[in-house]
Amino acid sequence: KDDWAIAIYTGPSPTKLSDPPDIDNPVLTAAHVTDVEADFVADPFMVREGKTWYMFFEVLTRSTNQGDIGLAESPDGKAWTYRKIVLDEKFHLSYPYVFSHDGFEE
């Protein structure tokens, strides 16, 4: 489990992706999670608001052995900073589909 991480790949199609030279992959690992002890991070979903990218993703929290939703931010979609767990329920959370409502800027 602890080998799971989040990386960014680019390419002309989903079948022709590569590790970009200007991105230090993986961009997020369990070691980046600072507010809980995490076994892994997975299932990222991103949205851009203004000039900031937001990534929501599953964090498997070791003490509960359940998924919580974490948040990371990036100014460019390449370098990411972990912020915190933003959703923690009594049940497992994963695949945080995200969208913007009222006020989305391109």
PDB file of N, CA and C in Angstrom:
ATOM      1  N   LYS A   1       0.805  -1.196   0.000  1.00  0.00           N
ATOM      2  CA  LYS A   1       0.000   0.000   0.000  1.00  0.00           C
ATOM      3  C   LYS A   1       0.846   1.257   0.000  1.00  0.00           C
ATOM      4  N   ASP A   2       1.931   1.289   0.759  1.00  0.00           N
ATOM      5  CA  ASP A   2       2.707   2.509   0.907  1.00  0.00           C
ATOM      6  C   ASP A   2       3.449   2.904  -0.360  1.00  0.00           C
ATOM      7  N   ASP A   3       3.370   2.103  -1.408  1.00  0.00           N
ATOM      8  CA  ASP A   3       3.983   2.459  -2.679  1.00  0.00           C
ATOM      9  C   ASP A   3       3.060   3.330  -3.526  1.00  0.00           C
ATOM     10  N   TRP A   4       1.811   3.471  -3.143  1.00  0.00           N
ATOM     11  CA  TRP A   4       0.881   4.287  -3.914  1.00  0.00           C
ATOM     12  C   TRP A   4       1.209   5.757  -3.712  1.00  0.00           C
ATOM     13  N   ALA A   5       1.183   6.516  -4.794  1.00  0.00           N
ATOM     14  CA  ALA A   5       1.483   7.940  -4.744  1.00  0.00           C
ATOM     15  C   ALA A   5       0.763   8.615  -5.910  1.00  0.00           C
ATOM     16  N   ILE A   6       0.863   9.925  -5.979  1.00  0.00           N
ATOM     17  CA  ILE A   6       0.233  10.691  -7.049  1.00  0.00           C
ATOM     18  C   ILE A   6       1.323  11.331  -7.896  1.00  0.00           C
ATOM     19  N   ALA A   7       1.220  11.132  -9.203  1.00  0.00           N
ATOM     20  CA  ALA A   7       2.189  11.678 -10.150  1.00  0.00           C
ATOM     21  C   ALA A   7       1.452  12.408 -11.265  1.00  0.00           C
ATOM     22  N   ILE A   8       2.149  13.292 -11.943  1.00  0.00           N
ATOM     23  CA  ILE A   8       1.600  14.042 -13.071  1.00  0.00           C
ATOM     24  C   ILE A   8       2.345  13.602 -14.330  1.00  0.00           C
ATOM     25  N   TYR A   9       1.585  13.226 -15.344  1.00  0.00           N
ATOM     26  CA  TYR A   9       2.147  12.839 -16.639  1.00  0.00           C
ATOM     27  C   TYR A   9       1.481  13.672 -17.723  1.00  0.00           C
ATOM     28  N   THR A  10       2.180  13.915 -18.807  1.00  0.00           N
ATOM     29  CA  THR A  10       1.625  14.682 -19.910  1.00  0.00           C
ATOM     30  C   THR A  10       1.845  13.933 -21.212  1.00  0.00           C
ATOM     31  N   GLY A  11       1.064  14.305 -22.224  1.00  0.00           N
ATOM     32  CA  GLY A  11       1.225  13.695 -23.531  1.00  0.00           C
ATOM     33  C   GLY A  11       0.090  14.057 -24.457  1.00  0.00           C
ATOM     34  N   PRO A  12       0.222  13.661 -25.708  1.00  0.00           N
ATOM     35  CA  PRO A  12      -0.796  14.014 -26.704  1.00  0.00           C
ATOM     36  C   PRO A  12      -2.088  13.207 -26.591  1.00  0.00           C
ATOM     37  N   SER A  13      -2.050  12.074 -25.890  1.00  0.00           N
ATOM     38  CA  SER A  13      -3.257  11.257 -25.729  1.00  0.00           C
ATOM     39  C   SER A  13      -3.099  10.396 -24.475  1.00  0.00           C
ATOM     40  N   PRO A  14      -4.186   9.820 -23.978  1.00  0.00           N
ATOM     41  CA  PRO A  14      -4.101   8.975 -22.783  1.00  0.00           C
ATOM     42  C   PRO A  14      -3.208   7.740 -22.975  1.00  0.00           C
ATOM     43  N   THR A  15      -2.969   7.336 -24.200  1.00  0.00           N
ATOM     44  CA  THR A  15      -2.110   6.169 -24.443  1.00  0.00           C
ATOM     45  C   THR A  15      -0.659   6.549 -24.724  1.00  0.00           C
ATOM     46  N   LYS A  16      -0.372   7.857 -24.763  1.00  0.00           N
ATOM     47  CA  LYS A  16       0.996   8.322 -25.039  1.00  0.00           C
ATOM     48  C   LYS A  16       1.407   9.359 -24.002  1.00  0.00           C
ATOM     49  N   LEU A  17       1.531   8.900 -22.764  1.00  0.00           N
ATOM     50  CA  LEU A  17       1.913   9.777 -21.664  1.00  0.00           C
ATOM     51  C   LEU A  17       3.365   9.544 -21.290  1.00  0.00           C
ATOM     52  N   SER A  18       4.000  10.594 -20.754  1.00  0.00           N
ATOM     53  CA  SER A  18       5.373  10.452 -20.292  1.00  0.00           C
ATOM     54  C   SER A  18       5.592  11.314 -19.050  1.00  0.00           C
ATOM     55  N   ASP A  19       6.664  11.022 -18.360  1.00  0.00           N
ATOM     56  CA  ASP A  19       7.082  11.739 -17.164  1.00  0.00           C
ATOM     57  C   ASP A  19       7.744  13.042 -17.618  1.00  0.00           C
ATOM     58  N   PRO A  20       7.110  14.204 -17.425  1.00  0.00           N
ATOM     59  CA  PRO A  20       7.681  15.463 -17.912  1.00  0.00           C
ATOM     60  C   PRO A  20       8.982  15.813 -17.199  1.00  0.00           C
ATOM     61  N   PRO A  21       9.947  16.375 -17.917  1.00  0.00           N
ATOM     62  CA  PRO A  21      11.233  16.704 -17.290  1.00  0.00           C
ATOM     63  C   PRO A  21      11.142  17.810 -16.245  1.00  0.00           C
ATOM     64  N   ASP A  22      10.107  18.658 -16.314  1.00  0.00           N
ATOM     65  CA  ASP A  22       9.993  19.778 -15.375  1.00  0.00           C
ATOM     66  C   ASP A  22       9.104  19.480 -14.170  1.00  0.00           C
ATOM     67  N   ILE A  23       8.725  18.205 -13.992  1.00  0.00           N
ATOM     68  CA  ILE A  23       7.924  17.802 -12.835  1.00  0.00           C
ATOM     69  C   ILE A  23       8.676  16.741 -12.057  1.00  0.00           C
ATOM     70  N   ASP A  24       8.751  16.929 -10.741  1.00  0.00           N
ATOM     71  CA  ASP A  24       9.440  15.979  -9.864  1.00  0.00           C
ATOM     72  C   ASP A  24       8.418  14.969  -9.332  1.00  0.00           C
ATOM     73  N   ASN A  25       8.268  13.846 -10.050  1.00  0.00           N
ATOM     74  CA  ASN A  25       7.298  12.814  -9.657  1.00  0.00           C
ATOM     75  C   ASN A  25       7.883  11.863  -8.634  1.00  0.00           C
ATOM     76  N   PRO A  26       7.072  11.337  -7.724  1.00  0.00           N
ATOM     77  CA  PRO A  26       5.665  11.667  -7.528  1.00  0.00           C
ATOM     78  C   PRO A  26       5.508  13.037  -6.889  1.00  0.00           C
ATOM     79  N   VAL A  27       4.396  13.703  -7.204  1.00  0.00           N
ATOM     80  CA  VAL A  27       4.171  15.039  -6.655  1.00  0.00           C
ATOM     81  C   VAL A  27       3.609  14.982  -5.240  1.00  0.00           C
ATOM     82  N   LEU A  28       2.955  13.866  -4.879  1.00  0.00           N
ATOM     83  CA  LEU A  28       2.443  13.687  -3.518  1.00  0.00           C
ATOM     84  C   LEU A  28       2.573  12.229  -3.105  1.00  0.00           C
ATOM     85  N   THR A  29       3.012  12.023  -1.863  1.00  0.00           N
ATOM     86  CA  THR A  29       3.104  10.686  -1.283  1.00  0.00           C
ATOM     87  C   THR A  29       2.507  10.730   0.122  1.00  0.00           C
ATOM     88  N   ALA A  30       2.406   9.592   0.749  1.00  0.00           N
ATOM     89  CA  ALA A  30       1.921   9.533   2.135  1.00  0.00           C
ATOM     90  C   ALA A  30       2.812  10.357   3.063  1.00  0.00           C
ATOM     91  N   ALA A  31       4.084  10.466   2.739  1.00  0.00           N
ATOM     92  CA  ALA A  31       5.014  11.243   3.570  1.00  0.00           C
ATOM     93  C   ALA A  31       4.690  12.739   3.566  1.00  0.00           C
ATOM     94  N   HIS A  32       4.016  13.233   2.549  1.00  0.00           N
ATOM     95  CA  HIS A  32       3.628  14.642   2.500  1.00  0.00           C
ATOM     96  C   HIS A  32       2.468  14.963   3.436  1.00  0.00           C
ATOM     97  N   VAL A  33       1.704  13.965   3.826  1.00  0.00           N
ATOM     98  CA  VAL A  33       0.539  14.166   4.696  1.00  0.00           C
ATOM     99  C   VAL A  33       1.040  14.404   6.115  1.00  0.00           C
ATOM    100  N   THR A  34       0.693  15.560   6.680  1.00  0.00           N
ATOM    101  CA  THR A  34       1.261  15.953   7.972  1.00  0.00           C
ATOM    102  C   THR A  34       0.278  15.943   9.134  1.00  0.00           C
ATOM    103  N   ASP A  35      -1.023  15.901   8.855  1.00  0.00           N
ATOM    104  CA  ASP A  35      -1.984  15.982   9.954  1.00  0.00           C
ATOM    105  C   ASP A  35      -2.516  14.637  10.422  1.00  0.00           C
ATOM    106  N   VAL A  36      -2.269  13.571   9.669  1.00  0.00           N
ATOM    107  CA  VAL A  36      -2.587  12.207  10.091  1.00  0.00           C
ATOM    108  C   VAL A  36      -1.461  11.306   9.597  1.00  0.00           C
ATOM    109  N   GLU A  37      -1.346  10.138  10.192  1.00  0.00           N
ATOM    110  CA  GLU A  37      -0.387   9.158   9.694  1.00  0.00           C
ATOM    111  C   GLU A  37      -1.068   8.415   8.545  1.00  0.00           C
ATOM    112  N   ALA A  38      -0.497   8.533   7.353  1.00  0.00           N
ATOM    113  CA  ALA A  38      -1.133   7.993   6.152  1.00  0.00           C
ATOM    114  C   ALA A  38      -0.390   6.774   5.630  1.00  0.00           C
ATOM    115  N   ASP A  39      -1.164   5.799   5.134  1.00  0.00           N
ATOM    116  CA  ASP A  39      -0.572   4.636   4.474  1.00  0.00           C
ATOM    117  C   ASP A  39      -0.334   4.900   2.992  1.00  0.00           C
ATOM    118  N   PHE A  40      -1.244   5.643   2.356  1.00  0.00           N
ATOM    119  CA  PHE A  40      -1.035   6.006   0.955  1.00  0.00           C
ATOM    120  C   PHE A  40      -1.947   7.159   0.566  1.00  0.00           C
ATOM    121  N   VAL A  41      -1.668   7.732  -0.602  1.00  0.00           N
ATOM    122  CA  VAL A  41      -2.540   8.719  -1.236  1.00  0.00           C
ATOM    123  C   VAL A  41      -2.902   8.177  -2.616  1.00  0.00           C
ATOM    124  N   ALA A  42      -4.111   8.497  -3.090  1.00  0.00           N
ATOM    125  CA  ALA A  42      -4.567   7.959  -4.379  1.00  0.00           C
ATOM    126  C   ALA A  42      -5.762   8.752  -4.890  1.00  0.00           C
ATOM    127  N   ASP A  43      -6.168   8.455  -6.107  1.00  0.00           N
ATOM    128  CA  ASP A  43      -7.421   8.920  -6.707  1.00  0.00           C
ATOM    129  C   ASP A  43      -7.562  10.444  -6.744  1.00  0.00           C
ATOM    130  N   PRO A  44      -6.613  11.133  -7.372  1.00  0.00           N
ATOM    131  CA  PRO A  44      -6.676  12.599  -7.394  1.00  0.00           C
ATOM    132  C   PRO A  44      -7.701  13.151  -8.387  1.00  0.00           C
ATOM    133  N   PHE A  45      -8.345  14.235  -7.983  1.00  0.00           N
ATOM    134  CA  PHE A  45      -9.226  15.011  -8.852  1.00  0.00           C
ATOM    135  C   PHE A  45      -8.849  16.472  -8.655  1.00  0.00           C
ATOM    136  N   MET A  46      -8.689  17.197  -9.767  1.00  0.00           N
ATOM    137  CA  MET A  46      -8.210  18.573  -9.695  1.00  0.00           C
ATOM    138  C   MET A  46      -9.211  19.553 -10.279  1.00  0.00           C
ATOM    139  N   VAL A  47      -9.160  20.768  -9.764  1.00  0.00           N
ATOM    140  CA  VAL A  47      -9.953  21.875 -10.277  1.00  0.00           C
ATOM    141  C   VAL A  47      -9.110  23.139 -10.127  1.00  0.00           C
ATOM    142  N   ARG A  48      -9.272  24.046 -11.082  1.00  0.00           N
ATOM    143  CA  ARG A  48      -8.544  25.316 -11.004  1.00  0.00           C
ATOM    144  C   ARG A  48      -9.531  26.427 -10.711  1.00  0.00           C
ATOM    145  N   GLU A  49      -9.205  27.238  -9.735  1.00  0.00           N
ATOM    146  CA  GLU A  49     -10.002  28.402  -9.365  1.00  0.00           C
ATOM    147  C   GLU A  49      -9.075  29.602  -9.430  1.00  0.00           C
ATOM    148  N   GLY A  50      -9.347  30.529 -10.343  1.00  0.00           N
ATOM    149  CA  GLY A  50      -8.424  31.646 -10.536  1.00  0.00           C
ATOM    150  C   GLY A  50      -7.099  31.124 -11.052  1.00  0.00           C
ATOM    151  N   LYS A  51      -6.029  31.459 -10.361  1.00  0.00           N
ATOM    152  CA  LYS A  51      -4.693  31.010 -10.782  1.00  0.00           C
ATOM    153  C   LYS A  51      -4.174  29.844  -9.952  1.00  0.00           C
ATOM    154  N   THR A  52      -5.021  29.275  -9.096  1.00  0.00           N
ATOM    155  CA  THR A  52      -4.579  28.200  -8.205  1.00  0.00           C
ATOM    156  C   THR A  52      -5.240  26.881  -8.587  1.00  0.00           C
ATOM    157  N   TRP A  53      -4.436  25.834  -8.631  1.00  0.00           N
ATOM    158  CA  TRP A  53      -4.929  24.470  -8.820  1.00  0.00           C
ATOM    159  C   TRP A  53      -5.176  23.860  -7.444  1.00  0.00           C
ATOM    160  N   TYR A  54      -6.300  23.137  -7.306  1.00  0.00           N
ATOM    161  CA  TYR A  54      -6.625  22.418  -6.083  1.00  0.00           C
ATOM    162  C   TYR A  54      -6.748  20.941  -6.426  1.00  0.00           C
ATOM    163  N   MET A  55      -6.097  20.103  -5.644  1.00  0.00           N
ATOM    164  CA  MET A  55      -6.177  18.661  -5.835  1.00  0.00           C
ATOM    165  C   MET A  55      -6.816  18.042  -4.597  1.00  0.00           C
ATOM    166  N   PHE A  56      -7.877  17.292  -4.816  1.00  0.00           N
ATOM    167  CA  PHE A  56      -8.544  16.542  -3.761  1.00  0.00           C
ATOM    168  C   PHE A  56      -8.249  15.066  -4.026  1.00  0.00           C
ATOM    169  N   PHE A  57      -7.958  14.300  -2.984  1.00  0.00           N
ATOM    170  CA  PHE A  57      -7.509  12.920  -3.172  1.00  0.00           C
ATOM    171  C   PHE A  57      -7.756  12.101  -1.918  1.00  0.00           C
ATOM    172  N   GLU A  58      -7.762  10.790  -2.102  1.00  0.00           N
ATOM    173  CA  GLU A  58      -7.923   9.883  -0.969  1.00  0.00           C
ATOM    174  C   GLU A  58      -6.625   9.802  -0.176  1.00  0.00           C
ATOM    175  N   VAL A  59      -6.753   9.872   1.131  1.00  0.00           N
ATOM    176  CA  VAL A  59      -5.668   9.596   2.064  1.00  0.00           C
ATOM    177  C   VAL A  59      -6.119   8.401   2.897  1.00  0.00           C
ATOM    178  N   LEU A  60      -5.393   7.301   2.833  1.00  0.00           N
ATOM    179  CA  LEU A  60      -5.747   6.180   3.702  1.00  0.00           C
ATOM    180  C   LEU A  60      -5.105   6.441   5.062  1.00  0.00           C
ATOM    181  N   THR A  61      -5.968   6.738   6.047  1.00  0.00           N
ATOM    182  CA  THR A  61      -5.512   7.069   7.395  1.00  0.00           C
ATOM    183  C   THR A  61      -5.237   5.785   8.162  1.00  0.00           C
ATOM    184  N   ARG A  62      -4.008   5.653   8.646  1.00  0.00           N
ATOM    185  CA  ARG A  62      -3.570   4.416   9.296  1.00  0.00           C
ATOM    186  C   ARG A  62      -4.384   4.066  10.527  1.00  0.00           C
ATOM    187  N   SER A  63      -4.691   5.045  11.378  1.00  0.00           N
ATOM    188  CA  SER A  63      -5.363   4.739  12.651  1.00  0.00           C
ATOM    189  C   SER A  63      -6.777   4.208  12.468  1.00  0.00           C
ATOM    190  N   THR A  64      -7.447   4.596  11.400  1.00  0.00           N
ATOM    191  CA  THR A  64      -8.823   4.157  11.170  1.00  0.00           C
ATOM    192  C   THR A  64      -8.929   3.158  10.020  1.00  0.00           C
ATOM    193  N   ASN A  65      -7.864   3.023   9.247  1.00  0.00           N
ATOM    194  CA  ASN A  65      -7.841   2.181   8.053  1.00  0.00           C
ATOM    195  C   ASN A  65      -8.999   2.529   7.106  1.00  0.00           C
ATOM    196  N   GLN A  66      -9.264   3.818   7.008  1.00  0.00           N
ATOM    197  CA  GLN A  66     -10.315   4.277   6.098  1.00  0.00           C
ATOM    198  C   GLN A  66      -9.821   5.467   5.294  1.00  0.00           C
ATOM    199  N   GLY A  67     -10.478   5.703   4.157  1.00  0.00           N
ATOM    200  CA  GLY A  67     -10.130   6.828   3.307  1.00  0.00           C
ATOM    201  C   GLY A  67     -10.747   8.118   3.796  1.00  0.00           C
ATOM    202  N   ASP A  68      -9.927   9.148   3.832  1.00  0.00           N
ATOM    203  CA  ASP A  68     -10.375  10.506   4.084  1.00  0.00           C
ATOM    204  C   ASP A  68      -9.974  11.322   2.857  1.00  0.00           C
ATOM    205  N   ILE A  69     -10.484  12.526   2.721  1.00  0.00           N
ATOM    206  CA  ILE A  69     -10.162  13.345   1.561  1.00  0.00           C
ATOM    207  C   ILE A  69      -9.199  14.456   1.969  1.00  0.00           C
ATOM    208  N   GLY A  70      -8.061  14.476   1.264  1.00  0.00           N
ATOM    209  CA  GLY A  70      -7.033  15.482   1.505  1.00  0.00           C
ATOM    210  C   GLY A  70      -7.054  16.552   0.433  1.00  0.00           C
ATOM    211  N   LEU A  71      -6.370  17.654   0.713  1.00  0.00           N
ATOM    212  CA  LEU A  71      -6.282  18.788  -0.197  1.00  0.00           C
ATOM    213  C   LEU A  71      -4.828  19.203  -0.367  1.00  0.00           C
ATOM    214  N   ALA A  72      -4.445  19.451  -1.616  1.00  0.00           N
ATOM    215  CA  ALA A  72      -3.143  20.038  -1.932  1.00  0.00           C
ATOM    216  C   ALA A  72      -3.394  21.182  -2.903  1.00  0.00           C
ATOM    217  N   GLU A  73      -2.461  22.148  -2.936  1.00  0.00           N
ATOM    218  CA  GLU A  73      -2.591  23.302  -3.827  1.00  0.00           C
ATOM    219  C   GLU A  73      -1.335  23.458  -4.658  1.00  0.00           C
ATOM    220  N   SER A  74      -1.508  24.085  -5.838  1.00  0.00           N
ATOM    221  CA  SER A  74      -0.383  24.323  -6.733  1.00  0.00           C
ATOM    222  C   SER A  74      -0.629  25.598  -7.533  1.00  0.00           C
ATOM    223  N   PRO A  75       0.429  26.404  -7.726  1.00  0.00           N
ATOM    224  CA  PRO A  75       0.262  27.585  -8.568  1.00  0.00           C
ATOM    225  C   PRO A  75       0.360  27.254 -10.057  1.00  0.00           C
ATOM    226  N   ASP A  76       0.922  26.090 -10.387  1.00  0.00           N
ATOM    227  CA  ASP A  76       1.198  25.780 -11.789  1.00  0.00           C
ATOM    228  C   ASP A  76       0.807  24.366 -12.224  1.00  0.00           C
ATOM    229  N   GLY A  77       0.257  23.559 -11.325  1.00  0.00           N
ATOM    230  CA  GLY A  77      -0.101  22.183 -11.652  1.00  0.00           C
ATOM    231  C   GLY A  77       1.087  21.243 -11.672  1.00  0.00           C
ATOM    232  N   LYS A  78       2.257  21.726 -11.277  1.00  0.00           N
ATOM    233  CA  LYS A  78       3.480  20.916 -11.291  1.00  0.00           C
ATOM    234  C   LYS A  78       4.027  20.677  -9.890  1.00  0.00           C
ATOM    235  N   ALA A  79       4.168  21.725  -9.116  1.00  0.00           N
ATOM    236  CA  ALA A  79       4.667  21.629  -7.741  1.00  0.00           C
ATOM    237  C   ALA A  79       3.476  21.754  -6.796  1.00  0.00           C
ATOM    238  N   TRP A  80       3.316  20.772  -5.906  1.00  0.00           N
ATOM    239  CA  TRP A  80       2.136  20.710  -5.041  1.00  0.00           C
ATOM    240  C   TRP A  80       2.518  20.831  -3.580  1.00  0.00           C
ATOM    241  N   THR A  81       1.653  21.497  -2.803  1.00  0.00           N
ATOM    242  CA  THR A  81       1.828  21.633  -1.363  1.00  0.00           C
ATOM    243  C   THR A  81       0.627  21.018  -0.676  1.00  0.00           C
ATOM    244  N   TYR A  82       0.878  20.028   0.178  1.00  0.00           N
ATOM    245  CA  TYR A  82      -0.200  19.411   0.949  1.00  0.00           C
ATOM    246  C   TYR A  82      -0.716  20.416   1.964  1.00  0.00           C
ATOM    247  N   ARG A  83      -2.040  20.498   2.112  1.00  0.00           N
ATOM    248  CA  ARG A  83      -2.645  21.403   3.091  1.00  0.00           C
ATOM    249  C   ARG A  83      -3.206  20.660   4.299  1.00  0.00           C
ATOM    250  N   LYS A  84      -4.246  19.810   4.076  1.00  0.00           N
ATOM    251  CA  LYS A  84      -4.863  19.140   5.222  1.00  0.00           C
ATOM    252  C   LYS A  84      -5.940  18.177   4.750  1.00  0.00           C
ATOM    253  N   ILE A  85      -6.437  17.393   5.699  1.00  0.00           N
ATOM    254  CA  ILE A  85      -7.623  16.569   5.475  1.00  0.00           C
ATOM    255  C   ILE A  85      -8.819  17.525   5.483  1.00  0.00           C
ATOM    256  N   VAL A  86      -9.656  17.464   4.441  1.00  0.00           N
ATOM    257  CA  VAL A  86     -10.812  18.356   4.371  1.00  0.00           C
ATOM    258  C   VAL A  86     -12.145  17.633   4.579  1.00  0.00           C
ATOM    259  N   LEU A  87     -12.160  16.301   4.422  1.00  0.00           N
ATOM    260  CA  LEU A  87     -13.355  15.507   4.715  1.00  0.00           C
ATOM    261  C   LEU A  87     -12.954  14.250   5.466  1.00  0.00           C
ATOM    262  N   ASP A  88     -13.564  14.057   6.628  1.00  0.00           N
ATOM    263  CA  ASP A  88     -13.302  12.886   7.461  1.00  0.00           C
ATOM    264  C   ASP A  88     -14.639  12.426   8.018  1.00  0.00           C
ATOM    265  N   GLU A  89     -15.117  11.309   7.525  1.00  0.00           N
ATOM    266  CA  GLU A  89     -16.404  10.780   7.960  1.00  0.00           C
ATOM    267  C   GLU A  89     -16.199   9.475   8.727  1.00  0.00           C
ATOM    268  N   LYS A  90     -17.275   8.882   9.217  1.00  0.00           N
ATOM    269  CA  LYS A  90     -17.200   7.604   9.925  1.00  0.00           C
ATOM    270  C   LYS A  90     -17.145   6.434   8.958  1.00  0.00           C
ATOM    271  N   PHE A  91     -17.108   6.732   7.666  1.00  0.00           N
ATOM    272  CA  PHE A  91     -17.060   5.709   6.625  1.00  0.00           C
ATOM    273  C   PHE A  91     -15.970   6.068   5.630  1.00  0.00           C
ATOM    274  N   HIS A  92     -15.614   5.135   4.784  1.00  0.00           N
ATOM    275  CA  HIS A  92     -14.535   5.290   3.820  1.00  0.00           C
ATOM    276  C   HIS A  92     -14.922   6.268   2.713  1.00  0.00           C
ATOM    277  N   LEU A  93     -14.031   7.206   2.411  1.00  0.00           N
ATOM    278  CA  LEU A  93     -14.221   8.160   1.328  1.00  0.00           C
ATOM    279  C   LEU A  93     -13.141   7.952   0.277  1.00  0.00           C
ATOM    280  N   SER A  94     -13.506   8.120  -0.985  1.00  0.00           N
ATOM    281  CA  SER A  94     -12.563   7.975  -2.083  1.00  0.00           C
ATOM    282  C   SER A  94     -13.134   8.660  -3.317  1.00  0.00           C
ATOM    283  N   TYR A  95     -12.334   8.783  -4.350  1.00  0.00           N
ATOM    284  CA  TYR A  95     -12.754   9.380  -5.624  1.00  0.00           C
ATOM    285  C   TYR A  95     -13.552  10.671  -5.423  1.00  0.00           C
ATOM    286  N   PRO A  96     -12.883  11.719  -4.949  1.00  0.00           N
ATOM    287  CA  PRO A  96     -13.584  12.973  -4.641  1.00  0.00           C
ATOM    288  C   PRO A  96     -13.875  13.801  -5.897  1.00  0.00           C
ATOM    289  N   TYR A  97     -14.934  13.438  -6.602  1.00  0.00           N
ATOM    290  CA  TYR A  97     -15.319  14.218  -7.780  1.00  0.00           C
ATOM    291  C   TYR A  97     -15.536  15.662  -7.358  1.00  0.00           C
ATOM    292  N   VAL A  98     -14.892  16.589  -8.048  1.00  0.00           N
ATOM    293  CA  VAL A  98     -14.975  17.998  -7.667  1.00  0.00           C
ATOM    294  C   VAL A  98     -15.458  18.837  -8.839  1.00  0.00           C
ATOM    295  N   PHE A  99     -16.076  19.943  -8.515  1.00  0.00           N
ATOM    296  CA  PHE A  99     -16.548  20.885  -9.519  1.00  0.00           C
ATOM    297  C   PHE A  99     -16.684  22.236  -8.849  1.00  0.00           C
ATOM    298  N   SER A 100     -16.822  23.249  -9.641  1.00  0.00           N
ATOM    299  CA  SER A 100     -17.003  24.596  -9.120  1.00  0.00           C
ATOM    300  C   SER A 100     -18.423  25.049  -9.406  1.00  0.00           C
ATOM    301  N   HIS A 101     -18.976  25.831  -8.508  1.00  0.00           N
ATOM    302  CA  HIS A 101     -20.337  26.337  -8.654  1.00  0.00           C
ATOM    303  C   HIS A 101     -20.367  27.810  -8.299  1.00  0.00           C
ATOM    304  N   ASP A 102     -20.930  28.652  -9.149  1.00  0.00           N
ATOM    305  CA  ASP A 102     -21.016  30.098  -8.914  1.00  0.00           C
ATOM    306  C   ASP A 102     -19.645  30.710  -8.663  1.00  0.00           C
ATOM    307  N   GLY A 103     -19.117  31.328  -9.671  1.00  0.00           N
ATOM    308  CA  GLY A 103     -17.873  32.051  -9.486  1.00  0.00           C
ATOM    309  C   GLY A 103     -16.650  31.402 -10.092  1.00  0.00           C
ATOM    310  N   PHE A 104     -16.831  30.355 -10.866  1.00  0.00           N
ATOM    311  CA  PHE A 104     -15.671  29.710 -11.506  1.00  0.00           C
ATOM    312  C   PHE A 104     -15.074  30.678 -12.515  1.00  0.00           C
ATOM    313  N   GLU A 105     -13.745  30.836 -12.422  1.00  0.00           N
ATOM    314  CA  GLU A 105     -13.031  31.718 -13.360  1.00  0.00           C
ATOM    315  C   GLU A 105     -12.158  30.888 -14.262  1.00  0.00           C
ATOM    316  N   GLU A 106     -12.127  31.223 -15.536  1.00  0.00           N
ATOM    317  CA  GLU A 106     -11.225  30.555 -16.480  1.00  0.00           C
ATOM    318  C   GLU A 106      -9.903  31.248 -16.486  1.00  0.00           C
TER     319      GLU A 106
END
